[in-house]
Amino acid sequence: MGEPGELYLFHSPSQEEMAWAREKTDTDEHLLALTLALTCFQRLGRFAEAREVPPVVVEHIRLAPVAGVLVGLPAGLYPALRAARMEPVDALR
């Protein structure tokens, strides 16, 4: 456990899981703890103790929301800005 592909495959929270976790937490620290517990439970079938979770997994989950924003923001902004410069009828085509 620790290769980039394996981290992505087994320890990347989905958008739905992140949305659920955001609703259930009130701080970034709690969000990290909940998503970490959730992904470890999904992989192991039980809740792991903190000392059992490799630091690379913690860091991967910590950066997952950041990576989503870095990819999603430009992917959504580019078409929106392009459409904003067009006539509405042309933008809908």
PDB file of N, CA and C in Angstrom:
ATOM      1  N   MET A   1       0.858  -1.167   0.000  1.00  0.00           N
ATOM      2  CA  MET A   1       0.000   0.000   0.000  1.00  0.00           C
ATOM      3  C   MET A   1       0.903   1.228   0.000  1.00  0.00           C
ATOM      4  N   GLY A   2       0.786   2.017  -1.026  1.00  0.00           N
ATOM      5  CA  GLY A   2       1.601   3.195  -1.079  1.00  0.00           C
ATOM      6  C   GLY A   2       1.925   3.637  -2.490  1.00  0.00           C
ATOM      7  N   GLU A   3       1.678   2.762  -3.461  1.00  0.00           N
ATOM      8  CA  GLU A   3       1.876   3.152  -4.848  1.00  0.00           C
ATOM      9  C   GLU A   3       0.762   4.127  -5.241  1.00  0.00           C
ATOM     10  N   PRO A   4       1.054   5.130  -6.090  1.00  0.00           N
ATOM     11  CA  PRO A   4       0.029   6.115  -6.454  1.00  0.00           C
ATOM     12  C   PRO A   4      -1.258   5.496  -6.991  1.00  0.00           C
ATOM     13  N   GLY A   5      -1.156   4.513  -7.864  1.00  0.00           N
ATOM     14  CA  GLY A   5      -2.351   3.879  -8.410  1.00  0.00           C
ATOM     15  C   GLY A   5      -3.178   3.191  -7.347  1.00  0.00           C
ATOM     16  N   GLU A   6      -2.504   2.551  -6.419  1.00  0.00           N
ATOM     17  CA  GLU A   6      -3.203   1.860  -5.334  1.00  0.00           C
ATOM     18  C   GLU A   6      -3.854   2.863  -4.390  1.00  0.00           C
ATOM     19  N   LEU A   7      -3.166   3.953  -4.105  1.00  0.00           N
ATOM     20  CA  LEU A   7      -3.758   4.994  -3.259  1.00  0.00           C
ATOM     21  C   LEU A   7      -5.028   5.536  -3.893  1.00  0.00           C
ATOM     22  N   TYR A   8      -4.945   5.835  -5.177  1.00  0.00           N
ATOM     23  CA  TYR A   8      -6.110   6.388  -5.867  1.00  0.00           C
ATOM     24  C   TYR A   8      -7.249   5.380  -5.875  1.00  0.00           C
ATOM     25  N   LEU A   9      -6.939   4.152  -6.187  1.00  0.00           N
ATOM     26  CA  LEU A   9      -7.961   3.118  -6.317  1.00  0.00           C
ATOM     27  C   LEU A   9      -8.661   2.822  -4.991  1.00  0.00           C
ATOM     28  N   PHE A  10      -7.889   2.677  -3.930  1.00  0.00           N
ATOM     29  CA  PHE A  10      -8.468   2.219  -2.662  1.00  0.00           C
ATOM     30  C   PHE A  10      -8.753   3.313  -1.639  1.00  0.00           C
ATOM     31  N   HIS A  11      -8.167   4.482  -1.808  1.00  0.00           N
ATOM     32  CA  HIS A  11      -8.290   5.479  -0.747  1.00  0.00           C
ATOM     33  C   HIS A  11      -8.737   6.851  -1.221  1.00  0.00           C
ATOM     34  N   SER A  12      -9.355   6.951  -2.378  1.00  0.00           N
ATOM     35  CA  SER A  12      -9.867   8.237  -2.842  1.00  0.00           C
ATOM     36  C   SER A  12     -11.358   8.309  -2.562  1.00  0.00           C
ATOM     37  N   PRO A  13     -11.765   9.229  -1.675  1.00  0.00           N
ATOM     38  CA  PRO A  13     -13.197   9.359  -1.406  1.00  0.00           C
ATOM     39  C   PRO A  13     -13.920   9.855  -2.654  1.00  0.00           C
ATOM     40  N   SER A  14     -15.113   9.347  -2.902  1.00  0.00           N
ATOM     41  CA  SER A  14     -15.910   9.803  -4.036  1.00  0.00           C
ATOM     42  C   SER A  14     -16.493  11.178  -3.714  1.00  0.00           C
ATOM     43  N   GLN A  15     -17.042  11.823  -4.719  1.00  0.00           N
ATOM     44  CA  GLN A  15     -17.673  13.120  -4.496  1.00  0.00           C
ATOM     45  C   GLN A  15     -18.841  12.988  -3.528  1.00  0.00           C
ATOM     46  N   GLU A  16     -19.589  11.909  -3.646  1.00  0.00           N
ATOM     47  CA  GLU A  16     -20.723  11.685  -2.748  1.00  0.00           C
ATOM     48  C   GLU A  16     -20.247  11.492  -1.305  1.00  0.00           C
ATOM     49  N   GLU A  17     -19.168  10.738  -1.134  1.00  0.00           N
ATOM     50  CA  GLU A  17     -18.625  10.521   0.211  1.00  0.00           C
ATOM     51  C   GLU A  17     -18.107  11.830   0.801  1.00  0.00           C
ATOM     52  N   MET A  18     -17.446  12.647  -0.025  1.00  0.00           N
ATOM     53  CA  MET A  18     -16.944  13.936   0.468  1.00  0.00           C
ATOM     54  C   MET A  18     -18.096  14.858   0.851  1.00  0.00           C
ATOM     55  N   ALA A  19     -19.152  14.882   0.044  1.00  0.00           N
ATOM     56  CA  ALA A  19     -20.314  15.723   0.362  1.00  0.00           C
ATOM     57  C   ALA A  19     -20.949  15.274   1.668  1.00  0.00           C
ATOM     58  N   TRP A  20     -21.097  13.957   1.837  1.00  0.00           N
ATOM     59  CA  TRP A  20     -21.665  13.427   3.083  1.00  0.00           C
ATOM     60  C   TRP A  20     -20.797  13.808   4.272  1.00  0.00           C
ATOM     61  N   ALA A  21     -19.486  13.623   4.122  1.00  0.00           N
ATOM     62  CA  ALA A  21     -18.566  13.918   5.227  1.00  0.00           C
ATOM     63  C   ALA A  21     -18.577  15.401   5.574  1.00  0.00           C
ATOM     64  N   ARG A  22     -18.681  16.275   4.560  1.00  0.00           N
ATOM     65  CA  ARG A  22     -18.745  17.716   4.837  1.00  0.00           C
ATOM     66  C   ARG A  22     -19.988  18.069   5.644  1.00  0.00           C
ATOM     67  N   GLU A  23     -21.111  17.394   5.347  1.00  0.00           N
ATOM     68  CA  GLU A  23     -22.352  17.630   6.094  1.00  0.00           C
ATOM     69  C   GLU A  23     -22.232  17.194   7.550  1.00  0.00           C
ATOM     70  N   LYS A  24     -21.420  16.177   7.789  1.00  0.00           N
ATOM     71  CA  LYS A  24     -21.322  15.595   9.129  1.00  0.00           C
ATOM     72  C   LYS A  24     -20.232  16.217   9.993  1.00  0.00           C
ATOM     73  N   THR A  25     -19.386  17.070   9.418  1.00  0.00           N
ATOM     74  CA  THR A  25     -18.262  17.629  10.175  1.00  0.00           C
ATOM     75  C   THR A  25     -18.308  19.148  10.168  1.00  0.00           C
ATOM     76  N   ASP A  26     -17.579  19.735  11.126  1.00  0.00           N
ATOM     77  CA  ASP A  26     -17.575  21.196  11.217  1.00  0.00           C
ATOM     78  C   ASP A  26     -16.188  21.814  11.088  1.00  0.00           C
ATOM     79  N   THR A  27     -15.157  20.999  10.986  1.00  0.00           N
ATOM     80  CA  THR A  27     -13.803  21.526  10.806  1.00  0.00           C
ATOM     81  C   THR A  27     -13.066  20.677   9.771  1.00  0.00           C
ATOM     82  N   ASP A  28     -12.003  21.241   9.221  1.00  0.00           N
ATOM     83  CA  ASP A  28     -11.188  20.489   8.261  1.00  0.00           C
ATOM     84  C   ASP A  28     -10.557  19.263   8.906  1.00  0.00           C
ATOM     85  N   GLU A  29     -10.187  19.382  10.179  1.00  0.00           N
ATOM     86  CA  GLU A  29      -9.574  18.254  10.873  1.00  0.00           C
ATOM     87  C   GLU A  29     -10.566  17.100  11.012  1.00  0.00           C
ATOM     88  N   HIS A  30     -11.809  17.434  11.341  1.00  0.00           N
ATOM     89  CA  HIS A  30     -12.827  16.391  11.470  1.00  0.00           C
ATOM     90  C   HIS A  30     -13.157  15.776  10.115  1.00  0.00           C
ATOM     91  N   LEU A  31     -13.164  16.601   9.063  1.00  0.00           N
ATOM     92  CA  LEU A  31     -13.397  16.096   7.709  1.00  0.00           C
ATOM     93  C   LEU A  31     -12.317  15.091   7.330  1.00  0.00           C
ATOM     94  N   LEU A  32     -11.064  15.439   7.597  1.00  0.00           N
ATOM     95  CA  LEU A  32      -9.962  14.519   7.302  1.00  0.00           C
ATOM     96  C   LEU A  32     -10.116  13.226   8.100  1.00  0.00           C
ATOM     97  N   ALA A  33     -10.409  13.335   9.381  1.00  0.00           N
ATOM     98  CA  ALA A  33     -10.530  12.148  10.225  1.00  0.00           C
ATOM     99  C   ALA A  33     -11.671  11.249   9.751  1.00  0.00           C
ATOM    100  N   LEU A  34     -12.799  11.844   9.400  1.00  0.00           N
ATOM    101  CA  LEU A  34     -13.944  11.042   8.969  1.00  0.00           C
ATOM    102  C   LEU A  34     -13.691  10.378   7.623  1.00  0.00           C
ATOM    103  N   THR A  35     -13.140  11.106   6.657  1.00  0.00           N
ATOM    104  CA  THR A  35     -12.872  10.496   5.354  1.00  0.00           C
ATOM    105  C   THR A  35     -11.777   9.441   5.454  1.00  0.00           C
ATOM    106  N   LEU A  36     -10.816   9.664   6.319  1.00  0.00           N
ATOM    107  CA  LEU A  36      -9.767   8.671   6.534  1.00  0.00           C
ATOM    108  C   LEU A  36     -10.354   7.397   7.140  1.00  0.00           C
ATOM    109  N   ALA A  37     -11.199   7.549   8.154  1.00  0.00           N
ATOM    110  CA  ALA A  37     -11.836   6.385   8.772  1.00  0.00           C
ATOM    111  C   ALA A  37     -12.723   5.656   7.768  1.00  0.00           C
ATOM    112  N   LEU A  38     -13.466   6.401   6.975  1.00  0.00           N
ATOM    113  CA  LEU A  38     -14.361   5.794   5.991  1.00  0.00           C
ATOM    114  C   LEU A  38     -13.586   4.995   4.951  1.00  0.00           C
ATOM    115  N   THR A  39     -12.546   5.579   4.383  1.00  0.00           N
ATOM    116  CA  THR A  39     -11.802   4.864   3.338  1.00  0.00           C
ATOM    117  C   THR A  39     -11.048   3.661   3.903  1.00  0.00           C
ATOM    118  N   CYS A  40     -10.514   3.792   5.100  1.00  0.00           N
ATOM    119  CA  CYS A  40      -9.831   2.645   5.710  1.00  0.00           C
ATOM    120  C   CYS A  40     -10.827   1.531   6.014  1.00  0.00           C
ATOM    121  N   PHE A  41     -12.013   1.898   6.496  1.00  0.00           N
ATOM    122  CA  PHE A  41     -13.035   0.886   6.767  1.00  0.00           C
ATOM    123  C   PHE A  41     -13.429   0.163   5.482  1.00  0.00           C
ATOM    124  N   GLN A  42     -13.587   0.931   4.393  1.00  0.00           N
ATOM    125  CA  GLN A  42     -13.959   0.316   3.118  1.00  0.00           C
ATOM    126  C   GLN A  42     -12.883  -0.668   2.656  1.00  0.00           C
ATOM    127  N   ARG A  43     -11.637  -0.352   2.893  1.00  0.00           N
ATOM    128  CA  ARG A  43     -10.527  -1.203   2.431  1.00  0.00           C
ATOM    129  C   ARG A  43     -10.317  -2.405   3.363  1.00  0.00           C
ATOM    130  N   LEU A  44     -10.378  -2.158   4.664  1.00  0.00           N
ATOM    131  CA  LEU A  44     -10.049  -3.202   5.640  1.00  0.00           C
ATOM    132  C   LEU A  44     -11.260  -3.975   6.157  1.00  0.00           C
ATOM    133  N   GLY A  45     -12.433  -3.379   6.050  1.00  0.00           N
ATOM    134  CA  GLY A  45     -13.631  -4.003   6.607  1.00  0.00           C
ATOM    135  C   GLY A  45     -13.757  -3.771   8.101  1.00  0.00           C
ATOM    136  N   ARG A  46     -12.947  -2.886   8.636  1.00  0.00           N
ATOM    137  CA  ARG A  46     -13.008  -2.510  10.058  1.00  0.00           C
ATOM    138  C   ARG A  46     -12.382  -1.128  10.199  1.00  0.00           C
ATOM    139  N   PHE A  47     -12.638  -0.481  11.320  1.00  0.00           N
ATOM    140  CA  PHE A  47     -12.021   0.814  11.576  1.00  0.00           C
ATOM    141  C   PHE A  47     -10.610   0.589  12.108  1.00  0.00           C
ATOM    142  N   ALA A  48      -9.640   1.137  11.406  1.00  0.00           N
ATOM    143  CA  ALA A  48      -8.239   0.979  11.806  1.00  0.00           C
ATOM    144  C   ALA A  48      -7.899   1.959  12.922  1.00  0.00           C
ATOM    145  N   GLU A  49      -6.968   1.572  13.752  1.00  0.00           N
ATOM    146  CA  GLU A  49      -6.447   2.502  14.748  1.00  0.00           C
ATOM    147  C   GLU A  49      -5.526   3.486  14.037  1.00  0.00           C
ATOM    148  N   ALA A  50      -5.403   4.677  14.586  1.00  0.00           N
ATOM    149  CA  ALA A  50      -4.625   5.734  13.934  1.00  0.00           C
ATOM    150  C   ALA A  50      -3.202   5.277  13.619  1.00  0.00           C
ATOM    151  N   ARG A  51      -2.604   4.529  14.510  1.00  0.00           N
ATOM    152  CA  ARG A  51      -1.210   4.104  14.292  1.00  0.00           C
ATOM    153  C   ARG A  51      -1.080   3.078  13.167  1.00  0.00           C
ATOM    154  N   GLU A  52      -2.186   2.469  12.749  1.00  0.00           N
ATOM    155  CA  GLU A  52      -2.160   1.479  11.674  1.00  0.00           C
ATOM    156  C   GLU A  52      -2.210   2.104  10.278  1.00  0.00           C
ATOM    157  N   VAL A  53      -2.596   3.374  10.196  1.00  0.00           N
ATOM    158  CA  VAL A  53      -2.777   4.025   8.898  1.00  0.00           C
ATOM    159  C   VAL A  53      -1.456   4.638   8.457  1.00  0.00           C
ATOM    160  N   PRO A  54      -0.924   4.198   7.324  1.00  0.00           N
ATOM    161  CA  PRO A  54       0.349   4.749   6.848  1.00  0.00           C
ATOM    162  C   PRO A  54       0.238   6.251   6.565  1.00  0.00           C
ATOM    163  N   PRO A  55       1.272   7.011   6.891  1.00  0.00           N
ATOM    164  CA  PRO A  55       1.240   8.462   6.648  1.00  0.00           C
ATOM    165  C   PRO A  55       0.953   8.822   5.191  1.00  0.00           C
ATOM    166  N   VAL A  56       1.378   7.996   4.257  1.00  0.00           N
ATOM    167  CA  VAL A  56       1.139   8.295   2.844  1.00  0.00           C
ATOM    168  C   VAL A  56      -0.364   8.258   2.531  1.00  0.00           C
ATOM    169  N   VAL A  57      -1.116   7.404   3.207  1.00  0.00           N
ATOM    170  CA  VAL A  57      -2.561   7.344   3.016  1.00  0.00           C
ATOM    171  C   VAL A  57      -3.209   8.594   3.598  1.00  0.00           C
ATOM    172  N   VAL A  58      -2.773   9.007   4.770  1.00  0.00           N
ATOM    173  CA  VAL A  58      -3.304  10.222   5.389  1.00  0.00           C
ATOM    174  C   VAL A  58      -3.073  11.415   4.467  1.00  0.00           C
ATOM    175  N   GLU A  59      -1.882  11.541   3.936  1.00  0.00           N
ATOM    176  CA  GLU A  59      -1.549  12.666   3.059  1.00  0.00           C
ATOM    177  C   GLU A  59      -2.365  12.606   1.768  1.00  0.00           C
ATOM    178  N   HIS A  60      -2.547  11.416   1.230  1.00  0.00           N
ATOM    179  CA  HIS A  60      -3.346  11.262   0.015  1.00  0.00           C
ATOM    180  C   HIS A  60      -4.774  11.748   0.242  1.00  0.00           C
ATOM    181  N   ILE A  61      -5.381  11.342   1.335  1.00  0.00           N
ATOM    182  CA  ILE A  61      -6.762  11.733   1.623  1.00  0.00           C
ATOM    183  C   ILE A  61      -6.835  13.229   1.939  1.00  0.00           C
ATOM    184  N   ARG A  62      -5.818  13.752   2.591  1.00  0.00           N
ATOM    185  CA  ARG A  62      -5.779  15.185   2.884  1.00  0.00           C
ATOM    186  C   ARG A  62      -5.782  16.000   1.590  1.00  0.00           C
ATOM    187  N   LEU A  63      -5.089  15.516   0.568  1.00  0.00           N
ATOM    188  CA  LEU A  63      -4.966  16.258  -0.688  1.00  0.00           C
ATOM    189  C   LEU A  63      -6.083  15.958  -1.689  1.00  0.00           C
ATOM    190  N   ALA A  64      -6.880  14.922  -1.462  1.00  0.00           N
ATOM    191  CA  ALA A  64      -7.927  14.548  -2.414  1.00  0.00           C
ATOM    192  C   ALA A  64      -8.904  15.694  -2.713  1.00  0.00           C
ATOM    193  N   PRO A  65      -9.421  16.417  -1.718  1.00  0.00           N
ATOM    194  CA  PRO A  65     -10.328  17.529  -2.045  1.00  0.00           C
ATOM    195  C   PRO A  65      -9.627  18.645  -2.814  1.00  0.00           C
ATOM    196  N   VAL A  66      -8.362  18.892  -2.496  1.00  0.00           N
ATOM    197  CA  VAL A  66      -7.603  19.927  -3.200  1.00  0.00           C
ATOM    198  C   VAL A  66      -7.442  19.550  -4.668  1.00  0.00           C
ATOM    199  N   ALA A  67      -7.114  18.308  -4.922  1.00  0.00           N
ATOM    200  CA  ALA A  67      -6.950  17.850  -6.298  1.00  0.00           C
ATOM    201  C   ALA A  67      -8.268  17.947  -7.060  1.00  0.00           C
ATOM    202  N   GLY A  68      -9.356  17.639  -6.404  1.00  0.00           N
ATOM    203  CA  GLY A  68     -10.668  17.758  -7.044  1.00  0.00           C
ATOM    204  C   GLY A  68     -10.982  19.175  -7.459  1.00  0.00           C
ATOM    205  N   VAL A  69     -10.637  20.125  -6.613  1.00  0.00           N
ATOM    206  CA  VAL A  69     -10.861  21.534  -6.940  1.00  0.00           C
ATOM    207  C   VAL A  69      -9.934  21.976  -8.062  1.00  0.00           C
ATOM    208  N   LEU A  70      -8.675  21.565  -8.003  1.00  0.00           N
ATOM    209  CA  LEU A  70      -7.718  21.969  -9.028  1.00  0.00           C
ATOM    210  C   LEU A  70      -8.088  21.431 -10.410  1.00  0.00           C
ATOM    211  N   VAL A  71      -8.714  20.287 -10.456  1.00  0.00           N
ATOM    212  CA  VAL A  71      -9.144  19.722 -11.733  1.00  0.00           C
ATOM    213  C   VAL A  71     -10.528  20.255 -12.119  1.00  0.00           C
ATOM    214  N   GLY A  72     -11.433  20.266 -11.173  1.00  0.00           N
ATOM    215  CA  GLY A  72     -12.822  20.634 -11.455  1.00  0.00           C
ATOM    216  C   GLY A  72     -13.042  22.095 -11.766  1.00  0.00           C
ATOM    217  N   LEU A  73     -12.324  22.969 -11.105  1.00  0.00           N
ATOM    218  CA  LEU A  73     -12.523  24.400 -11.316  1.00  0.00           C
ATOM    219  C   LEU A  73     -12.190  24.819 -12.741  1.00  0.00           C
ATOM    220  N   PRO A  74     -10.999  24.515 -13.247  1.00  0.00           N
ATOM    221  CA  PRO A  74     -10.726  24.887 -14.643  1.00  0.00           C
ATOM    222  C   PRO A  74     -11.644  24.163 -15.639  1.00  0.00           C
ATOM    223  N   ALA A  75     -11.970  22.915 -15.343  1.00  0.00           N
ATOM    224  CA  ALA A  75     -12.828  22.147 -16.250  1.00  0.00           C
ATOM    225  C   ALA A  75     -14.225  22.747 -16.334  1.00  0.00           C
ATOM    226  N   GLY A  76     -14.683  23.369 -15.273  1.00  0.00           N
ATOM    227  CA  GLY A  76     -15.999  24.017 -15.289  1.00  0.00           C
ATOM    228  C   GLY A  76     -15.944  25.462 -15.734  1.00  0.00           C
ATOM    229  N   LEU A  77     -14.870  26.152 -15.387  1.00  0.00           N
ATOM    230  CA  LEU A  77     -14.759  27.567 -15.730  1.00  0.00           C
ATOM    231  C   LEU A  77     -14.549  27.806 -17.220  1.00  0.00           C
ATOM    232  N   TYR A  78     -13.715  27.005 -17.832  1.00  0.00           N
ATOM    233  CA  TYR A  78     -13.407  27.225 -19.247  1.00  0.00           C
ATOM    234  C   TYR A  78     -14.664  27.234 -20.115  1.00  0.00           C
ATOM    235  N   PRO A  79     -15.510  26.202 -20.062  1.00  0.00           N
ATOM    236  CA  PRO A  79     -16.715  26.236 -20.898  1.00  0.00           C
ATOM    237  C   PRO A  79     -17.675  27.361 -20.488  1.00  0.00           C
ATOM    238  N   ALA A  80     -17.733  27.669 -19.196  1.00  0.00           N
ATOM    239  CA  ALA A  80     -18.639  28.729 -18.741  1.00  0.00           C
ATOM    240  C   ALA A  80     -18.192  30.090 -19.267  1.00  0.00           C
ATOM    241  N   LEU A  81     -16.902  30.368 -19.198  1.00  0.00           N
ATOM    242  CA  LEU A  81     -16.395  31.642 -19.712  1.00  0.00           C
ATOM    243  C   LEU A  81     -16.556  31.727 -21.224  1.00  0.00           C
ATOM    244  N   ARG A  82     -16.330  30.630 -21.882  1.00  0.00           N
ATOM    245  CA  ARG A  82     -16.492  30.596 -23.340  1.00  0.00           C
ATOM    246  C   ARG A  82     -17.953  30.851 -23.718  1.00  0.00           C
ATOM    247  N   ALA A  83     -18.865  30.223 -23.019  1.00  0.00           N
ATOM    248  CA  ALA A  83     -20.293  30.415 -23.300  1.00  0.00           C
ATOM    249  C   ALA A  83     -20.743  31.833 -22.960  1.00  0.00           C
ATOM    250  N   ALA A  84     -20.127  32.434 -21.951  1.00  0.00           N
ATOM    251  CA  ALA A  84     -20.507  33.794 -21.556  1.00  0.00           C
ATOM    252  C   ALA A  84     -20.193  34.815 -22.639  1.00  0.00           C
ATOM    253  N   ARG A  85     -19.238  34.513 -23.484  1.00  0.00           N
ATOM    254  CA  ARG A  85     -18.864  35.440 -24.565  1.00  0.00           C
ATOM    255  C   ARG A  85     -19.719  35.257 -25.810  1.00  0.00           C
ATOM    256  N   MET A  86     -20.569  34.264 -25.804  1.00  0.00           N
ATOM    257  CA  MET A  86     -21.376  33.956 -26.985  1.00  0.00           C
ATOM    258  C   MET A  86     -22.792  34.486 -26.823  1.00  0.00           C
ATOM    259  N   GLU A  87     -23.466  34.545 -27.929  1.00  0.00           N
ATOM    260  CA  GLU A  87     -24.893  34.838 -27.894  1.00  0.00           C
ATOM    261  C   GLU A  87     -25.587  33.649 -27.232  1.00  0.00           C
ATOM    262  N   PRO A  88     -26.601  33.877 -26.403  1.00  0.00           N
ATOM    263  CA  PRO A  88     -27.260  32.773 -25.704  1.00  0.00           C
ATOM    264  C   PRO A  88     -27.731  31.638 -26.622  1.00  0.00           C
ATOM    265  N   VAL A  89     -28.274  31.988 -27.763  1.00  0.00           N
ATOM    266  CA  VAL A  89     -28.777  30.945 -28.678  1.00  0.00           C
ATOM    267  C   VAL A  89     -27.618  30.097 -29.186  1.00  0.00           C
ATOM    268  N   ASP A  90     -26.489  30.721 -29.498  1.00  0.00           N
ATOM    269  CA  ASP A  90     -25.324  29.972 -29.980  1.00  0.00           C
ATOM    270  C   ASP A  90     -24.715  29.115 -28.875  1.00  0.00           C
ATOM    271  N   ALA A  91     -24.736  29.615 -27.654  1.00  0.00           N
ATOM    272  CA  ALA A  91     -24.155  28.872 -26.525  1.00  0.00           C
ATOM    273  C   ALA A  91     -24.926  27.591 -26.238  1.00  0.00           C
ATOM    274  N   LEU A  92     -26.216  27.589 -26.528  1.00  0.00           N
ATOM    275  CA  LEU A  92     -27.065  26.427 -26.247  1.00  0.00           C
ATOM    276  C   LEU A  92     -26.958  25.337 -27.318  1.00  0.00           C
ATOM    277  N   ARG A  93     -26.372  25.645 -28.425  1.00  0.00           N
ATOM    278  CA  ARG A  93     -26.257  24.657 -29.512  1.00  0.00           C
ATOM    279  C   ARG A  93     -25.249  23.601 -29.219  1.00  0.00           C
TER     280      ARG A  93
END
